[in-house]
Amino acid sequence: MGISDRHHFAWLVGALATFEEKTGRFGAIRDLSRTPTIYALAARRRDPVIDWLAAALGAKADVVLFDKFADSAPGVQKLDINALDVVPDNACDVLTLLRSSYFIARPADFLADARRIVRPGGLVVVDWLHGLSQAPVLDLRGDPRYDANGSRS
């Protein structure tokens, strides 16, 4: 599904590292008195991004994998990304959807559910894909290495 190569994972891990460096967001989640929880949607296995997030949150971080087709993946809970209403409020600290955003039938509903599921101060990580290109939408205008058109300077 989608882009799963090492270059995409390296780009996303780098973006998350930059985000953590600038905001300290993962440090704030890590300092909670309870164990931080990552819910990885549409994930049959851990990947480098999920591993990086778990490490950033600390060794005790719980990672729960969800997939619509969980029957074929041991240890993965069955959950359709278009039916998140069954997930309780404030269930996790970080919610991820990697390489699968093109399966979202109703983006506004997905985002409303994501906001409800993630605890206050938590984080939602989605690598949105553009159309059918299977390439993430990279809005690089905020990065000083890119010009206003997204070209590297």
Protein backbone atom coordinates (compact mmCIF):
# COMPACT_ATOMS: atom_id res chain seq x y z
CA MET A 1 0.00 0.00 0.00
CA GLY A 2 1.31 3.37 -0.93
CA ILE A 3 4.90 4.36 -0.59
CA SER A 4 6.78 2.09 1.78
CA ASP A 5 10.34 2.54 0.66
CA ARG A 6 13.28 3.57 2.83
CA HIS A 7 13.38 7.05 1.27
CA HIS A 8 9.81 7.82 2.29
CA PHE A 9 10.40 6.51 5.82
CA ALA A 10 13.64 8.51 6.07
CA TRP A 11 11.86 11.67 4.92
CA LEU A 12 9.01 11.21 7.41
CA VAL A 13 11.31 10.34 10.33
CA GLY A 14 13.40 13.42 9.48
CA ALA A 15 10.28 15.59 9.42
CA LEU A 16 9.18 14.23 12.79
CA ALA A 17 12.65 14.78 14.26
CA THR A 18 12.59 18.39 13.06
CA PHE A 19 9.10 18.81 14.52
CA GLU A 20 10.27 17.42 17.88
CA GLU A 21 13.35 19.64 17.85
CA LYS A 22 11.30 22.78 17.15
CA THR A 23 8.30 22.07 19.39
CA GLY A 24 9.41 19.59 22.05
CA ARG A 25 5.98 17.98 21.57
CA PHE A 26 7.12 14.39 22.15
CA GLY A 27 8.92 15.42 25.30
CA ALA A 28 5.66 16.83 26.66
CA ILE A 29 3.83 13.58 25.89
CA ARG A 30 6.68 11.49 27.30
CA ASP A 31 6.53 13.35 30.63
CA LEU A 32 3.00 12.20 31.39
CA SER A 33 2.55 10.15 34.53
CA ARG A 34 1.05 7.30 32.51
CA THR A 35 2.46 5.20 29.71
CA PRO A 36 2.14 6.99 26.34
CA THR A 37 0.14 5.10 23.71
CA ILE A 38 0.52 5.10 19.93
CA TYR A 39 -2.39 3.88 17.80
CA ALA A 40 -1.12 2.94 14.34
CA LEU A 41 -4.03 2.74 11.89
CA ALA A 42 -3.84 0.59 8.75
CA ALA A 43 -0.65 -0.98 10.07
CA ARG A 44 -0.02 -4.72 9.99
CA ARG A 45 3.50 -4.30 11.30
CA ARG A 46 5.74 -1.72 12.90
CA ASP A 47 7.73 0.37 10.48
CA PRO A 48 10.62 2.82 10.97
CA VAL A 49 8.27 5.75 11.63
CA ILE A 50 6.34 3.93 14.36
CA ASP A 51 9.59 2.68 15.87
CA TRP A 52 10.98 6.24 15.88
CA LEU A 53 7.83 7.60 17.53
CA ALA A 54 7.94 4.87 20.18
CA ALA A 55 11.59 5.65 20.92
CA ALA A 56 10.83 9.39 21.06
CA LEU A 57 8.08 8.73 23.61
CA GLY A 58 10.28 6.49 25.74
CA ALA A 59 10.90 2.80 26.20
CA LYS A 60 7.56 2.26 27.93
CA ALA A 61 5.40 3.52 25.05
CA ASP A 62 2.64 1.14 24.04
CA VAL A 63 2.09 0.60 20.32
CA VAL A 64 -1.26 -0.79 19.19
CA LEU A 65 -1.57 -1.81 15.53
CA PHE A 66 -4.93 -1.68 13.75
CA ASP A 67 -5.89 -2.85 10.26
CA LYS A 68 -9.13 -3.58 8.44
CA PHE A 69 -7.71 -6.94 7.39
CA ALA A 70 -6.30 -7.94 10.76
CA ASP A 71 -7.21 -11.59 10.22
CA SER A 72 -3.99 -12.07 8.27
CA ALA A 73 -1.70 -10.32 10.76
CA PRO A 74 -1.13 -11.77 14.24
CA GLY A 75 -1.30 -9.25 17.09
CA VAL A 76 -3.14 -6.66 15.00
CA GLN A 77 -6.60 -5.50 16.05
CA LYS A 78 -9.33 -5.24 13.43
CA LEU A 79 -10.43 -1.66 12.70
CA ASP A 80 -11.56 0.11 9.53
CA ILE A 81 -10.20 3.67 9.23
CA ASN A 82 -13.65 4.71 7.96
CA ALA A 83 -15.37 3.42 11.12
CA LEU A 84 -13.45 5.04 13.97
CA ASP A 85 -16.62 5.74 15.96
CA VAL A 86 -15.99 2.47 17.87
CA VAL A 87 -12.73 3.83 19.34
CA PRO A 88 -13.22 5.53 22.73
CA ASP A 89 -12.53 9.21 23.32
CA ASN A 90 -9.00 10.15 24.47
CA ALA A 91 -7.71 6.65 23.73
CA CYS A 92 -4.14 7.47 22.68
CA ASP A 93 -1.40 10.08 22.70
CA VAL A 94 -0.30 9.63 19.08
CA LEU A 95 -2.44 8.44 16.17
CA THR A 96 -0.75 7.49 12.90
CA LEU A 97 -2.04 6.71 9.43
CA LEU A 98 0.88 6.06 7.11
CA ARG A 99 0.73 5.15 3.42
CA SER A 100 -3.05 4.68 3.51
CA SER A 101 -4.75 8.07 3.50
CA TYR A 102 -6.19 7.41 0.04
CA PHE A 103 -8.53 4.86 1.67
CA ILE A 104 -10.26 7.57 3.73
CA ALA A 105 -13.79 7.85 2.37
CA ARG A 106 -14.77 11.00 4.31
CA PRO A 107 -11.74 13.11 5.31
CA ALA A 108 -13.73 15.51 7.52
CA ASP A 109 -15.22 12.61 9.50
CA PHE A 110 -11.80 10.97 9.81
CA LEU A 111 -10.25 14.18 11.16
CA ALA A 112 -13.11 14.72 13.62
CA ASP A 113 -12.68 11.17 14.91
CA ALA A 114 -8.90 11.58 15.08
CA ARG A 115 -9.32 14.71 17.21
CA ARG A 116 -11.73 12.87 19.51
CA ILE A 117 -9.52 9.77 19.84
CA VAL A 118 -6.27 11.60 20.63
CA ARG A 119 -5.81 12.88 24.18
CA PRO A 120 -5.42 16.64 24.68
CA GLY A 121 -1.86 17.66 23.80
CA GLY A 122 -1.42 14.55 21.63
CA LEU A 123 -0.45 14.29 18.00
CA VAL A 124 -1.96 12.97 14.75
CA VAL A 125 0.55 11.92 12.06
CA VAL A 126 -0.95 11.35 8.60
CA ASP A 127 1.07 11.34 5.40
CA TRP A 128 -1.67 12.57 3.07
CA LEU A 129 -1.39 11.35 -0.49
CA HIS A 130 -2.27 13.49 -3.46
CA GLY A 131 -4.81 11.99 -5.83
CA LEU A 132 -3.74 8.66 -7.25
CA SER A 133 -0.05 9.54 -7.46
CA GLN A 134 0.82 7.56 -4.33
CA ALA A 135 3.24 10.34 -3.46
CA PRO A 136 2.82 12.32 -0.26
CA VAL A 137 1.82 15.94 -0.50
CA LEU A 138 4.99 17.72 0.56
CA ASP A 139 4.23 21.28 1.51
CA LEU A 140 7.82 22.39 1.79
CA ARG A 141 7.20 26.13 1.69
CA GLY A 142 7.83 26.42 5.43
CA ASP A 143 11.27 24.82 5.06
CA PRO A 144 13.97 27.44 4.36
CA ARG A 145 15.71 25.02 1.96
CA TYR A 146 12.75 25.33 -0.46
CA ASP A 147 11.39 28.32 -2.36
CA ALA A 148 7.72 29.33 -2.54
CA ASN A 149 7.14 26.89 -5.42
CA GLY A 150 8.50 23.90 -3.50
CA SER A 151 11.78 23.83 -5.46
CA ARG A 152 14.96 23.13 -3.54
CA SER A 153 17.22 26.18 -3.33
